[in-house]
Amino acid sequence: MKLYSYPPAPSPQRVHIFMKEKGIAVPTEFIDMMKQEQLRDEYKVINPRGTVPTLVLDDGTIISEVTAICRYFEAINPGNPLFGSDAKQQAVIAEWDHRIEMELLTGIAEAFRNRGEAFKNRALPGALDIEQISELVPRGIKRINFFFEILNEQLVNNAYVAGDSFSVADITAFVCVNFAGWVKITVPEEQTHLRRWLHEMSQRPSMQP
């Protein structure tokens, strides 16, 4: 088994935090996204999509979606379940993890990738050339601020994003809230519940840089 990754980037970071929480160590090769190594032919032989992370199993199976990689690790290391321990908990965690990815992460990506020369013709991850749309920047920022309010409200009566237990949803949310800083958005002072949770998450050993 081998992981191809670039931990400073949000998607790989989610996998690395998950692995730390589960106590999993996997041989890892770093793919420098700053040098666009994920788009080089030698890497695209491994993952034609040109994205990271990518997990290659011993039988050659390739898994290249964050949630899929984490679910695989959960299945082979069921102790300390991060996707929930019963049907209800699993459903609630899956819902929040999906919402964070689709509503917050994509909003940040809109604001981040649709401006500046670094992502010219690369407004979406992967190998397909996609032109930037500047109008998506303010839309993405609006989506970020709106979802911060949703998270703050969710944390009024919950210790963690999906309830009383730490889960993969907290990992996704923590990475995304920090990723929002890349477009100069931080949690407002008045969102005290989200700020409390963010401070607590930042103290976990798995969340340390």
N, C-alpha and C. Protein backbone atom coordinates (compact mmCIF):
# COMPACT_ATOMS: atom_id res chain seq x y z
N MET A 1 0.84 -1.18 0.00
CA MET A 1 0.00 0.00 0.00
C MET A 1 0.88 1.24 0.00
N LYS A 2 0.46 2.26 -0.79
CA LYS A 2 1.24 3.48 -0.86
C LYS A 2 0.31 4.66 -1.07
N LEU A 3 0.60 5.76 -0.36
CA LEU A 3 -0.18 6.98 -0.48
C LEU A 3 0.63 8.04 -1.20
N TYR A 4 0.01 8.66 -2.19
CA TYR A 4 0.61 9.79 -2.87
C TYR A 4 -0.12 11.04 -2.37
N SER A 5 0.63 12.01 -1.87
CA SER A 5 -0.04 13.08 -1.15
C SER A 5 0.77 14.37 -1.17
N TYR A 6 0.11 15.44 -0.72
CA TYR A 6 0.75 16.73 -0.53
C TYR A 6 0.06 17.39 0.67
N PRO A 7 0.53 17.08 1.89
CA PRO A 7 -0.19 17.46 3.12
C PRO A 7 -0.57 18.92 3.27
N PRO A 8 0.17 19.91 2.71
CA PRO A 8 -0.29 21.29 2.89
C PRO A 8 -1.63 21.59 2.24
N ALA A 9 -2.02 20.82 1.23
CA ALA A 9 -3.28 21.06 0.53
C ALA A 9 -4.45 20.49 1.32
N PRO A 10 -5.62 21.10 1.24
CA PRO A 10 -6.76 20.70 2.08
C PRO A 10 -7.19 19.24 1.94
N SER A 11 -7.34 18.75 0.73
CA SER A 11 -7.82 17.37 0.58
C SER A 11 -6.85 16.35 1.16
N PRO A 12 -5.56 16.40 0.81
CA PRO A 12 -4.62 15.48 1.44
C PRO A 12 -4.56 15.66 2.96
N GLN A 13 -4.68 16.89 3.41
CA GLN A 13 -4.63 17.15 4.85
C GLN A 13 -5.71 16.39 5.60
N ARG A 14 -6.89 16.30 5.02
CA ARG A 14 -7.99 15.56 5.65
C ARG A 14 -7.60 14.09 5.86
N VAL A 15 -6.95 13.51 4.87
CA VAL A 15 -6.53 12.12 4.98
C VAL A 15 -5.46 11.95 6.06
N HIS A 16 -4.51 12.86 6.10
CA HIS A 16 -3.42 12.74 7.07
C HIS A 16 -3.93 12.89 8.50
N ILE A 17 -4.87 13.80 8.73
CA ILE A 17 -5.45 13.94 10.06
C ILE A 17 -6.21 12.67 10.43
N PHE A 18 -6.97 12.15 9.50
CA PHE A 18 -7.71 10.90 9.72
C PHE A 18 -6.75 9.78 10.11
N MET A 19 -5.66 9.65 9.38
CA MET A 19 -4.68 8.61 9.67
C MET A 19 -4.09 8.77 11.07
N LYS A 20 -3.80 10.00 11.46
CA LYS A 20 -3.26 10.24 12.80
C LYS A 20 -4.26 9.83 13.86
N GLU A 21 -5.53 10.19 13.66
CA GLU A 21 -6.57 9.83 14.62
C GLU A 21 -6.72 8.32 14.75
N LYS A 22 -6.53 7.61 13.65
CA LYS A 22 -6.68 6.16 13.65
C LYS A 22 -5.40 5.43 13.98
N GLY A 23 -4.28 6.16 14.07
CA GLY A 23 -3.01 5.50 14.34
C GLY A 23 -2.50 4.69 13.17
N ILE A 24 -2.73 5.17 11.97
CA ILE A 24 -2.35 4.45 10.75
C ILE A 24 -1.12 5.11 10.14
N ALA A 25 -0.17 4.30 9.75
CA ALA A 25 1.01 4.79 9.04
C ALA A 25 1.12 4.04 7.72
N VAL A 26 1.28 4.78 6.64
CA VAL A 26 1.37 4.20 5.30
C VAL A 26 2.55 4.83 4.57
N PRO A 27 3.35 4.05 3.84
CA PRO A 27 4.42 4.66 3.03
C PRO A 27 3.84 5.73 2.12
N THR A 28 4.47 6.89 2.12
CA THR A 28 3.92 8.05 1.42
C THR A 28 4.95 8.69 0.51
N GLU A 29 4.51 9.00 -0.71
CA GLU A 29 5.34 9.77 -1.64
C GLU A 29 4.69 11.13 -1.83
N PHE A 30 5.46 12.18 -1.64
CA PHE A 30 4.91 13.52 -1.73
C PHE A 30 4.94 14.02 -3.18
N ILE A 31 3.80 14.54 -3.59
CA ILE A 31 3.63 15.09 -4.93
C ILE A 31 3.48 16.60 -4.76
N ASP A 32 4.48 17.34 -5.18
CA ASP A 32 4.53 18.78 -4.93
C ASP A 32 3.56 19.50 -5.86
N MET A 33 2.43 19.92 -5.30
CA MET A 33 1.43 20.62 -6.10
C MET A 33 1.89 22.01 -6.50
N MET A 34 2.80 22.60 -5.73
CA MET A 34 3.32 23.92 -6.08
C MET A 34 4.11 23.87 -7.39
N LYS A 35 4.66 22.70 -7.67
CA LYS A 35 5.38 22.50 -8.92
C LYS A 35 4.51 21.78 -9.96
N GLN A 36 3.23 21.61 -9.63
CA GLN A 36 2.26 20.93 -10.50
C GLN A 36 2.70 19.51 -10.86
N GLU A 37 3.34 18.85 -9.91
CA GLU A 37 3.76 17.47 -10.16
C GLU A 37 2.58 16.53 -10.36
N GLN A 38 1.41 16.91 -9.84
CA GLN A 38 0.23 16.06 -10.00
C GLN A 38 -0.25 16.02 -11.45
N LEU A 39 0.24 16.96 -12.26
CA LEU A 39 -0.17 17.01 -13.67
C LEU A 39 0.88 16.42 -14.60
N ARG A 40 1.97 15.95 -14.05
CA ARG A 40 3.02 15.37 -14.88
C ARG A 40 2.63 13.96 -15.33
N ASP A 41 3.15 13.58 -16.49
CA ASP A 41 2.77 12.31 -17.10
C ASP A 41 3.08 11.12 -16.18
N GLU A 42 4.22 11.18 -15.47
CA GLU A 42 4.59 10.04 -14.63
C GLU A 42 3.60 9.82 -13.49
N TYR A 43 3.03 10.92 -12.97
CA TYR A 43 2.03 10.76 -11.92
C TYR A 43 0.67 10.37 -12.51
N LYS A 44 0.34 10.89 -13.67
CA LYS A 44 -0.95 10.58 -14.27
C LYS A 44 -1.04 9.13 -14.74
N VAL A 45 0.10 8.45 -14.81
CA VAL A 45 0.06 6.99 -15.02
C VAL A 45 -0.58 6.32 -13.81
N ILE A 46 -0.33 6.89 -12.62
CA ILE A 46 -0.90 6.36 -11.38
C ILE A 46 -2.34 6.83 -11.21
N ASN A 47 -2.55 8.12 -11.39
CA ASN A 47 -3.89 8.70 -11.25
C ASN A 47 -4.14 9.62 -12.45
N PRO A 48 -4.84 9.13 -13.47
CA PRO A 48 -5.07 9.93 -14.68
C PRO A 48 -5.82 11.23 -14.43
N ARG A 49 -6.52 11.33 -13.29
CA ARG A 49 -7.26 12.55 -12.97
C ARG A 49 -6.33 13.70 -12.61
N GLY A 50 -5.11 13.38 -12.23
CA GLY A 50 -4.16 14.42 -11.86
C GLY A 50 -4.51 15.12 -10.56
N THR A 51 -5.00 14.34 -9.59
CA THR A 51 -5.36 14.90 -8.29
C THR A 51 -4.63 14.14 -7.19
N VAL A 52 -4.55 14.77 -6.03
CA VAL A 52 -4.05 14.12 -4.83
C VAL A 52 -5.07 14.37 -3.71
N PRO A 53 -5.18 13.41 -2.78
CA PRO A 53 -4.33 12.22 -2.59
C PRO A 53 -4.78 11.05 -3.45
N THR A 54 -3.90 10.08 -3.55
CA THR A 54 -4.20 8.81 -4.21
C THR A 54 -3.64 7.69 -3.36
N LEU A 55 -4.46 6.70 -3.07
CA LEU A 55 -4.02 5.52 -2.35
C LEU A 55 -3.98 4.34 -3.31
N VAL A 56 -2.82 3.68 -3.40
CA VAL A 56 -2.67 2.50 -4.25
C VAL A 56 -2.53 1.29 -3.33
N LEU A 57 -3.47 0.35 -3.46
CA LEU A 57 -3.45 -0.84 -2.63
C LEU A 57 -2.45 -1.86 -3.17
N ASP A 58 -2.17 -2.87 -2.37
CA ASP A 58 -1.17 -3.86 -2.76
C ASP A 58 -1.55 -4.60 -4.03
N ASP A 59 -2.87 -4.72 -4.30
CA ASP A 59 -3.29 -5.43 -5.51
C ASP A 59 -3.40 -4.50 -6.72
N GLY A 60 -2.99 -3.24 -6.54
CA GLY A 60 -3.02 -2.27 -7.64
C GLY A 60 -4.27 -1.42 -7.70
N THR A 61 -5.25 -1.69 -6.84
CA THR A 61 -6.46 -0.87 -6.82
C THR A 61 -6.12 0.57 -6.46
N ILE A 62 -6.70 1.52 -7.20
CA ILE A 62 -6.44 2.93 -6.99
C ILE A 62 -7.68 3.60 -6.40
N ILE A 63 -7.49 4.30 -5.28
CA ILE A 63 -8.57 5.04 -4.62
C ILE A 63 -8.13 6.49 -4.56
N SER A 64 -8.92 7.39 -5.14
CA SER A 64 -8.45 8.77 -5.27
C SER A 64 -9.45 9.81 -4.79
N GLU A 65 -10.41 9.42 -3.97
CA GLU A 65 -11.31 10.37 -3.33
C GLU A 65 -11.06 10.34 -1.83
N VAL A 66 -11.05 11.51 -1.20
CA VAL A 66 -10.72 11.60 0.21
C VAL A 66 -11.62 10.70 1.06
N THR A 67 -12.92 10.84 0.89
CA THR A 67 -13.84 10.06 1.72
C THR A 67 -13.68 8.57 1.47
N ALA A 68 -13.44 8.18 0.23
CA ALA A 68 -13.25 6.77 -0.08
C ALA A 68 -11.99 6.22 0.58
N ILE A 69 -10.91 7.00 0.56
CA ILE A 69 -9.68 6.59 1.22
C ILE A 69 -9.90 6.43 2.71
N CYS A 70 -10.56 7.39 3.31
CA CYS A 70 -10.82 7.33 4.75
C CYS A 70 -11.74 6.16 5.10
N ARG A 71 -12.73 5.90 4.27
CA ARG A 71 -13.61 4.76 4.52
C ARG A 71 -12.84 3.44 4.42
N TYR A 72 -11.91 3.36 3.51
CA TYR A 72 -11.09 2.15 3.42
C TYR A 72 -10.29 1.98 4.69
N PHE A 73 -9.65 3.04 5.15
CA PHE A 73 -8.88 2.96 6.39
C PHE A 73 -9.77 2.58 7.58
N GLU A 74 -10.98 3.12 7.61
CA GLU A 74 -11.92 2.80 8.67
C GLU A 74 -12.29 1.32 8.65
N ALA A 75 -12.47 0.78 7.45
CA ALA A 75 -12.88 -0.62 7.33
C ALA A 75 -11.78 -1.58 7.77
N ILE A 76 -10.53 -1.24 7.48
CA ILE A 76 -9.44 -2.14 7.86
C ILE A 76 -8.92 -1.86 9.26
N ASN A 77 -9.36 -0.72 9.84
CA ASN A 77 -8.98 -0.37 11.21
C ASN A 77 -10.23 0.11 11.94
N PRO A 78 -11.14 -0.80 12.28
CA PRO A 78 -12.45 -0.39 12.81
C PRO A 78 -12.43 0.21 14.21
N GLY A 79 -11.32 0.07 14.95
CA GLY A 79 -11.26 0.68 16.26
C GLY A 79 -11.33 2.19 16.17
N ASN A 80 -11.88 2.84 17.22
CA ASN A 80 -12.04 4.29 17.23
C ASN A 80 -12.77 4.75 15.96
N PRO A 81 -14.02 4.33 15.78
CA PRO A 81 -14.75 4.65 14.55
C PRO A 81 -14.98 6.15 14.38
N LEU A 82 -14.63 6.67 13.22
CA LEU A 82 -14.80 8.08 12.92
C LEU A 82 -15.95 8.34 11.96
N PHE A 83 -16.56 7.27 11.46
CA PHE A 83 -17.75 7.40 10.61
C PHE A 83 -19.02 7.00 11.37
N GLY A 84 -18.90 6.81 12.68
CA GLY A 84 -20.06 6.45 13.49
C GLY A 84 -20.09 4.99 13.85
N SER A 85 -20.74 4.69 14.97
CA SER A 85 -20.77 3.31 15.47
C SER A 85 -22.12 2.64 15.37
N ASP A 86 -23.17 3.38 14.99
CA ASP A 86 -24.48 2.77 14.76
C ASP A 86 -25.12 3.46 13.56
N ALA A 87 -26.25 2.94 13.13
CA ALA A 87 -26.88 3.42 11.90
C ALA A 87 -27.21 4.91 11.96
N LYS A 88 -27.79 5.36 13.08
CA LYS A 88 -28.17 6.75 13.21
C LYS A 88 -26.94 7.66 13.19
N GLN A 89 -25.94 7.31 13.98
CA GLN A 89 -24.73 8.13 14.04
C GLN A 89 -24.02 8.18 12.70
N GLN A 90 -23.98 7.05 12.02
CA GLN A 90 -23.33 7.01 10.70
C GLN A 90 -24.06 7.91 9.71
N ALA A 91 -25.38 7.93 9.78
CA ALA A 91 -26.16 8.76 8.86
C ALA A 91 -25.94 10.24 9.14
N VAL A 92 -25.95 10.63 10.41
CA VAL A 92 -25.77 12.03 10.77
C VAL A 92 -24.38 12.51 10.40
N ILE A 93 -23.36 11.70 10.68
CA ILE A 93 -21.99 12.07 10.33
C ILE A 93 -21.84 12.20 8.82
N ALA A 94 -22.39 11.23 8.08
CA ALA A 94 -22.30 11.27 6.61
C ALA A 94 -22.97 12.52 6.06
N GLU A 95 -24.12 12.88 6.63
CA GLU A 95 -24.83 14.08 6.16
C GLU A 95 -23.98 15.33 6.37
N TRP A 96 -23.43 15.50 7.57
CA TRP A 96 -22.66 16.70 7.85
C TRP A 96 -21.36 16.74 7.07
N ASP A 97 -20.71 15.61 6.95
CA ASP A 97 -19.46 15.57 6.18
C ASP A 97 -19.72 15.96 4.72
N HIS A 98 -20.82 15.46 4.17
CA HIS A 98 -21.16 15.78 2.79
C HIS A 98 -21.53 17.25 2.65
N ARG A 99 -22.31 17.76 3.59
CA ARG A 99 -22.70 19.17 3.52
C ARG A 99 -21.48 20.09 3.59
N ILE A 100 -20.57 19.79 4.49
CA ILE A 100 -19.38 20.63 4.62
C ILE A 100 -18.58 20.63 3.33
N GLU A 101 -18.46 19.45 2.72
CA GLU A 101 -17.69 19.36 1.48
C GLU A 101 -18.38 20.09 0.35
N MET A 102 -19.70 19.91 0.22
CA MET A 102 -20.42 20.47 -0.92
C MET A 102 -20.76 21.95 -0.75
N GLU A 103 -21.03 22.38 0.48
CA GLU A 103 -21.47 23.76 0.70
C GLU A 103 -20.34 24.70 1.11
N LEU A 104 -19.39 24.19 1.91
CA LEU A 104 -18.31 25.05 2.37
C LEU A 104 -17.05 24.89 1.52
N LEU A 105 -16.59 23.67 1.37
CA LEU A 105 -15.35 23.45 0.63
C LEU A 105 -15.45 23.93 -0.81
N THR A 106 -16.56 23.65 -1.46
CA THR A 106 -16.69 24.10 -2.84
C THR A 106 -16.80 25.62 -2.93
N GLY A 107 -17.39 26.24 -1.91
CA GLY A 107 -17.44 27.69 -1.88
C GLY A 107 -16.05 28.31 -1.76
N ILE A 108 -15.23 27.72 -0.90
CA ILE A 108 -13.86 28.20 -0.76
C ILE A 108 -13.11 28.01 -2.07
N ALA A 109 -13.27 26.84 -2.68
CA ALA A 109 -12.59 26.56 -3.94
C ALA A 109 -13.00 27.54 -5.03
N GLU A 110 -14.28 27.91 -5.05
CA GLU A 110 -14.74 28.91 -6.02
C GLU A 110 -13.98 30.22 -5.85
N ALA A 111 -13.90 30.68 -4.61
CA ALA A 111 -13.25 31.96 -4.34
C ALA A 111 -11.74 31.88 -4.57
N PHE A 112 -11.17 30.72 -4.29
CA PHE A 112 -9.71 30.58 -4.35
C PHE A 112 -9.19 30.36 -5.77
N ARG A 113 -9.88 29.54 -6.55
CA ARG A 113 -9.35 29.12 -7.83
C ARG A 113 -9.77 30.00 -9.00
N ASN A 114 -10.71 30.91 -8.75
CA ASN A 114 -11.21 31.72 -9.86
C ASN A 114 -10.61 33.12 -9.91
N ARG A 115 -9.46 33.28 -9.26
CA ARG A 115 -8.74 34.56 -9.36
C ARG A 115 -7.25 34.27 -9.30
N GLY A 116 -6.46 35.17 -9.85
CA GLY A 116 -5.02 35.05 -9.79
C GLY A 116 -4.45 34.20 -10.92
N GLU A 117 -3.20 34.44 -11.25
CA GLU A 117 -2.53 33.74 -12.34
C GLU A 117 -2.22 32.28 -12.02
N ALA A 118 -2.09 31.96 -10.74
CA ALA A 118 -1.68 30.60 -10.37
C ALA A 118 -2.65 29.55 -10.89
N PHE A 119 -3.94 29.92 -11.00
CA PHE A 119 -4.94 28.94 -11.44
C PHE A 119 -5.56 29.33 -12.79
N LYS A 120 -4.84 30.10 -13.55
CA LYS A 120 -5.33 30.46 -14.88
C LYS A 120 -5.53 29.18 -15.70
N ASN A 121 -6.74 29.02 -16.25
CA ASN A 121 -7.14 27.81 -17.00
C ASN A 121 -7.15 26.56 -16.15
N ARG A 122 -7.12 26.72 -14.80
CA ARG A 122 -7.17 25.57 -13.90
C ARG A 122 -8.14 25.87 -12.77
N ALA A 123 -9.32 26.34 -13.12
CA ALA A 123 -10.29 26.74 -12.10
C ALA A 123 -10.88 25.56 -11.35
N LEU A 124 -10.71 24.36 -11.88
CA LEU A 124 -11.14 23.15 -11.19
C LEU A 124 -9.94 22.22 -11.04
N PRO A 125 -9.91 21.40 -9.98
CA PRO A 125 -8.80 20.46 -9.83
C PRO A 125 -8.79 19.45 -10.98
N GLY A 126 -7.62 18.87 -11.20
CA GLY A 126 -7.52 17.83 -12.20
C GLY A 126 -6.91 18.29 -13.50
N ALA A 127 -6.97 17.41 -14.48
CA ALA A 127 -6.24 17.61 -15.72
C ALA A 127 -6.98 18.44 -16.76
N LEU A 128 -8.29 18.66 -16.57
CA LEU A 128 -9.07 19.37 -17.57
C LEU A 128 -8.86 20.88 -17.45
N ASP A 129 -8.52 21.53 -18.55
CA ASP A 129 -8.35 22.99 -18.55
C ASP A 129 -9.72 23.66 -18.46
N ILE A 130 -9.90 24.45 -17.40
CA ILE A 130 -11.16 25.17 -17.19
C ILE A 130 -10.83 26.63 -16.91
N GLU A 131 -11.43 27.53 -17.69
CA GLU A 131 -11.13 28.95 -17.50
C GLU A 131 -11.75 29.47 -16.20
N GLN A 132 -11.13 30.50 -15.66
CA GLN A 132 -11.64 31.14 -14.45
C GLN A 132 -12.88 31.97 -14.76
N ILE A 133 -13.76 32.06 -13.77
CA ILE A 133 -14.95 32.90 -13.86
C ILE A 133 -14.92 33.83 -12.66
N SER A 134 -14.57 35.06 -12.88
CA SER A 134 -14.33 35.99 -11.77
C SER A 134 -15.58 36.21 -10.92
N GLU A 135 -16.76 36.08 -11.54
CA GLU A 135 -18.01 36.28 -10.80
C GLU A 135 -18.20 35.24 -9.69
N LEU A 136 -17.50 34.11 -9.79
CA LEU A 136 -17.64 33.07 -8.78
C LEU A 136 -16.90 33.41 -7.49
N VAL A 137 -16.00 34.39 -7.53
CA VAL A 137 -15.25 34.75 -6.33
C VAL A 137 -16.18 35.32 -5.25
N PRO A 138 -16.94 36.39 -5.54
CA PRO A 138 -17.86 36.90 -4.49
C PRO A 138 -18.93 35.89 -4.10
N ARG A 139 -19.36 35.06 -5.06
CA ARG A 139 -20.34 34.04 -4.71
C ARG A 139 -19.75 33.05 -3.72
N GLY A 140 -18.49 32.65 -3.96
CA GLY A 140 -17.84 31.71 -3.06
C GLY A 140 -17.69 32.31 -1.67
N ILE A 141 -17.32 33.57 -1.58
CA ILE A 141 -17.16 34.23 -0.29
C ILE A 141 -18.49 34.29 0.46
N LYS A 142 -19.56 34.57 -0.27
CA LYS A 142 -20.89 34.59 0.35
C LYS A 142 -21.25 33.20 0.89
N ARG A 143 -20.92 32.16 0.16
CA ARG A 143 -21.21 30.80 0.60
C ARG A 143 -20.41 30.45 1.86
N ILE A 144 -19.17 30.88 1.92
CA ILE A 144 -18.34 30.61 3.10
C ILE A 144 -18.95 31.25 4.34
N ASN A 145 -19.25 32.52 4.25
CA ASN A 145 -19.79 33.23 5.41
C ASN A 145 -21.13 32.65 5.85
N PHE A 146 -21.94 32.25 4.90
CA PHE A 146 -23.24 31.66 5.22
C PHE A 146 -23.07 30.33 5.95
N PHE A 147 -22.13 29.51 5.48
CA PHE A 147 -21.98 28.20 6.12
C PHE A 147 -21.30 28.32 7.47
N PHE A 148 -20.46 29.31 7.68
CA PHE A 148 -19.92 29.55 9.02
C PHE A 148 -21.06 29.77 10.01
N GLU A 149 -22.08 30.49 9.60
CA GLU A 149 -23.25 30.71 10.46
C GLU A 149 -23.96 29.38 10.76
N ILE A 150 -24.05 28.52 9.74
CA ILE A 150 -24.68 27.21 9.94
C ILE A 150 -23.89 26.39 10.95
N LEU A 151 -22.58 26.37 10.80
CA LEU A 151 -21.75 25.61 11.73
C LEU A 151 -21.85 26.17 13.15
N ASN A 152 -21.84 27.50 13.28
CA ASN A 152 -21.95 28.11 14.60
C ASN A 152 -23.25 27.69 15.28
N GLU A 153 -24.34 27.70 14.54
CA GLU A 153 -25.64 27.30 15.08
C GLU A 153 -25.65 25.82 15.46
N GLN A 154 -25.05 24.99 14.63
CA GLN A 154 -25.00 23.56 14.91
C GLN A 154 -24.22 23.26 16.19
N LEU A 155 -23.26 24.09 16.50
CA LEU A 155 -22.40 23.86 17.65
C LEU A 155 -22.92 24.50 18.94
N VAL A 156 -24.09 25.12 18.88
CA VAL A 156 -24.68 25.70 20.09
C VAL A 156 -24.92 24.61 21.13
N ASN A 157 -25.49 23.50 20.70
CA ASN A 157 -25.85 22.43 21.63
C ASN A 157 -25.11 21.12 21.35
N ASN A 158 -24.05 21.20 20.55
CA ASN A 158 -23.27 20.01 20.23
C ASN A 158 -21.79 20.26 20.49
N ALA A 159 -21.15 19.30 21.12
CA ALA A 159 -19.71 19.42 21.37
C ALA A 159 -18.92 19.33 20.07
N TYR A 160 -19.46 18.52 19.14
CA TYR A 160 -18.78 18.31 17.86
C TYR A 160 -19.78 18.55 16.73
N VAL A 161 -19.28 18.61 15.52
CA VAL A 161 -20.13 18.98 14.39
C VAL A 161 -21.34 18.06 14.24
N ALA A 162 -21.13 16.76 14.39
CA ALA A 162 -22.22 15.82 14.17
C ALA A 162 -22.79 15.24 15.47
N GLY A 163 -22.57 15.92 16.58
CA GLY A 163 -23.14 15.44 17.83
C GLY A 163 -22.15 15.45 18.97
N ASP A 164 -22.18 14.39 19.78
CA ASP A 164 -21.37 14.34 21.00
C ASP A 164 -20.03 13.66 20.81
N SER A 165 -19.75 13.15 19.62
CA SER A 165 -18.51 12.41 19.39
C SER A 165 -17.70 13.04 18.25
N PHE A 166 -16.39 13.06 18.42
CA PHE A 166 -15.50 13.51 17.34
C PHE A 166 -15.63 12.57 16.16
N SER A 167 -15.66 13.13 14.95
CA SER A 167 -15.86 12.30 13.76
C SER A 167 -15.13 12.89 12.56
N VAL A 168 -15.25 12.18 11.45
CA VAL A 168 -14.66 12.65 10.20
C VAL A 168 -15.25 14.00 9.80
N ALA A 169 -16.47 14.30 10.22
CA ALA A 169 -17.08 15.60 9.91
C ALA A 169 -16.31 16.74 10.56
N ASP A 170 -15.77 16.49 11.76
CA ASP A 170 -14.95 17.51 12.42
C ASP A 170 -13.64 17.72 11.67
N ILE A 171 -13.08 16.65 11.14
CA ILE A 171 -11.85 16.78 10.36
C ILE A 171 -12.10 17.63 9.13
N THR A 172 -13.16 17.31 8.41
CA THR A 172 -13.47 18.07 7.19
C THR A 172 -13.74 19.53 7.52
N ALA A 173 -14.51 19.77 8.57
CA ALA A 173 -14.84 21.14 8.95
C ALA A 173 -13.60 21.91 9.38
N PHE A 174 -12.74 21.28 10.18
CA PHE A 174 -11.53 21.96 10.67
C PHE A 174 -10.64 22.37 9.50
N VAL A 175 -10.42 21.45 8.58
CA VAL A 175 -9.58 21.75 7.41
C VAL A 175 -10.21 22.87 6.59
N CYS A 176 -11.52 22.82 6.41
CA CYS A 176 -12.18 23.83 5.58
C CYS A 176 -12.16 25.21 6.24
N VAL A 177 -12.42 25.27 7.54
CA VAL A 177 -12.40 26.57 8.22
C VAL A 177 -11.02 27.21 8.10
N ASN A 178 -9.98 26.41 8.24
CA ASN A 178 -8.62 26.94 8.06
C ASN A 178 -8.34 27.29 6.60
N PHE A 179 -8.85 26.48 5.69
CA PHE A 179 -8.67 26.74 4.26
C PHE A 179 -9.29 28.07 3.87
N ALA A 180 -10.37 28.45 4.53
CA ALA A 180 -11.01 29.74 4.25
C ALA A 180 -10.05 30.90 4.47
N GLY A 181 -9.07 30.69 5.33
CA GLY A 181 -8.06 31.72 5.54
C GLY A 181 -7.26 32.01 4.29
N TRP A 182 -7.21 31.05 3.36
CA TRP A 182 -6.49 31.26 2.11
C TRP A 182 -7.16 32.34 1.25
N VAL A 183 -8.45 32.60 1.52
CA VAL A 183 -9.15 33.69 0.83
C VAL A 183 -9.48 34.80 1.84
N LYS A 184 -8.70 34.82 2.94
CA LYS A 184 -8.75 35.89 3.94
C LYS A 184 -10.08 35.98 4.67
N ILE A 185 -10.69 34.81 4.93
CA ILE A 185 -11.91 34.78 5.72
C ILE A 185 -11.63 33.97 6.99
N THR A 186 -11.92 34.57 8.13
CA THR A 186 -11.76 33.89 9.42
C THR A 186 -13.09 33.92 10.16
N VAL A 187 -13.18 33.12 11.20
CA VAL A 187 -14.42 33.04 11.97
C VAL A 187 -14.64 34.35 12.72
N PRO A 188 -15.79 35.00 12.54
CA PRO A 188 -16.06 36.26 13.23
C PRO A 188 -16.10 36.10 14.75
N GLU A 189 -15.79 37.17 15.46
CA GLU A 189 -15.78 37.15 16.92
C GLU A 189 -17.13 36.72 17.49
N GLU A 190 -18.21 37.14 16.85
CA GLU A 190 -19.54 36.87 17.40
C GLU A 190 -19.96 35.41 17.26
N GLN A 191 -19.26 34.64 16.43
CA GLN A 191 -19.61 33.22 16.29
C GLN A 191 -18.85 32.42 17.35
N THR A 192 -19.29 32.60 18.58
CA THR A 192 -18.56 32.07 19.73
C THR A 192 -18.53 30.55 19.79
N HIS A 193 -19.58 29.92 19.33
CA HIS A 193 -19.63 28.46 19.39
C HIS A 193 -18.67 27.84 18.38
N LEU A 194 -18.62 28.41 17.21
CA LEU A 194 -17.68 27.93 16.20
C LEU A 194 -16.25 28.21 16.64
N ARG A 195 -16.01 29.35 17.26
CA ARG A 195 -14.67 29.68 17.74
C ARG A 195 -14.25 28.74 18.88
N ARG A 196 -15.18 28.42 19.77
CA ARG A 196 -14.88 27.46 20.84
C ARG A 196 -14.47 26.12 20.27
N TRP A 197 -15.26 25.63 19.32
CA TRP A 197 -14.95 24.34 18.68
C TRP A 197 -13.62 24.40 17.96
N LEU A 198 -13.36 25.47 17.23
CA LEU A 198 -12.12 25.60 16.47
C LEU A 198 -10.91 25.57 17.41
N HIS A 199 -11.01 26.24 18.54
CA HIS A 199 -9.91 26.23 19.51
C HIS A 199 -9.69 24.81 20.03
N GLU A 200 -10.76 24.13 20.38
CA GLU A 200 -10.64 22.76 20.90
C GLU A 200 -10.04 21.83 19.86
N MET A 201 -10.46 21.97 18.62
CA MET A 201 -9.91 21.12 17.56
C MET A 201 -8.42 21.38 17.36
N SER A 202 -8.02 22.63 17.45
CA SER A 202 -6.62 22.97 17.21
C SER A 202 -5.70 22.41 18.27
N GLN A 203 -6.26 21.98 19.42
CA GLN A 203 -5.45 21.41 20.48
C GLN A 203 -5.24 19.91 20.32
N ARG A 204 -5.99 19.29 19.43
CA ARG A 204 -5.84 17.84 19.23
C ARG A 204 -4.49 17.55 18.57
N PRO A 205 -3.78 16.53 19.04
CA PRO A 205 -2.47 16.20 18.44
C PRO A 205 -2.53 15.97 16.94
N SER A 206 -3.63 15.39 16.46
CA SER A 206 -3.75 15.10 15.03
C SER A 206 -3.86 16.36 14.18
N MET A 207 -4.28 17.46 14.79
CA MET A 207 -4.49 18.70 14.07
C MET A 207 -3.24 19.58 14.04
N GLN A 208 -2.19 19.16 14.74
CA GLN A 208 -0.97 19.96 14.76
C GLN A 208 -0.27 19.89 13.41
N PRO A 209 0.34 20.99 12.99
CA PRO A 209 1.02 21.01 11.68
C PRO A 209 2.11 19.95 11.59
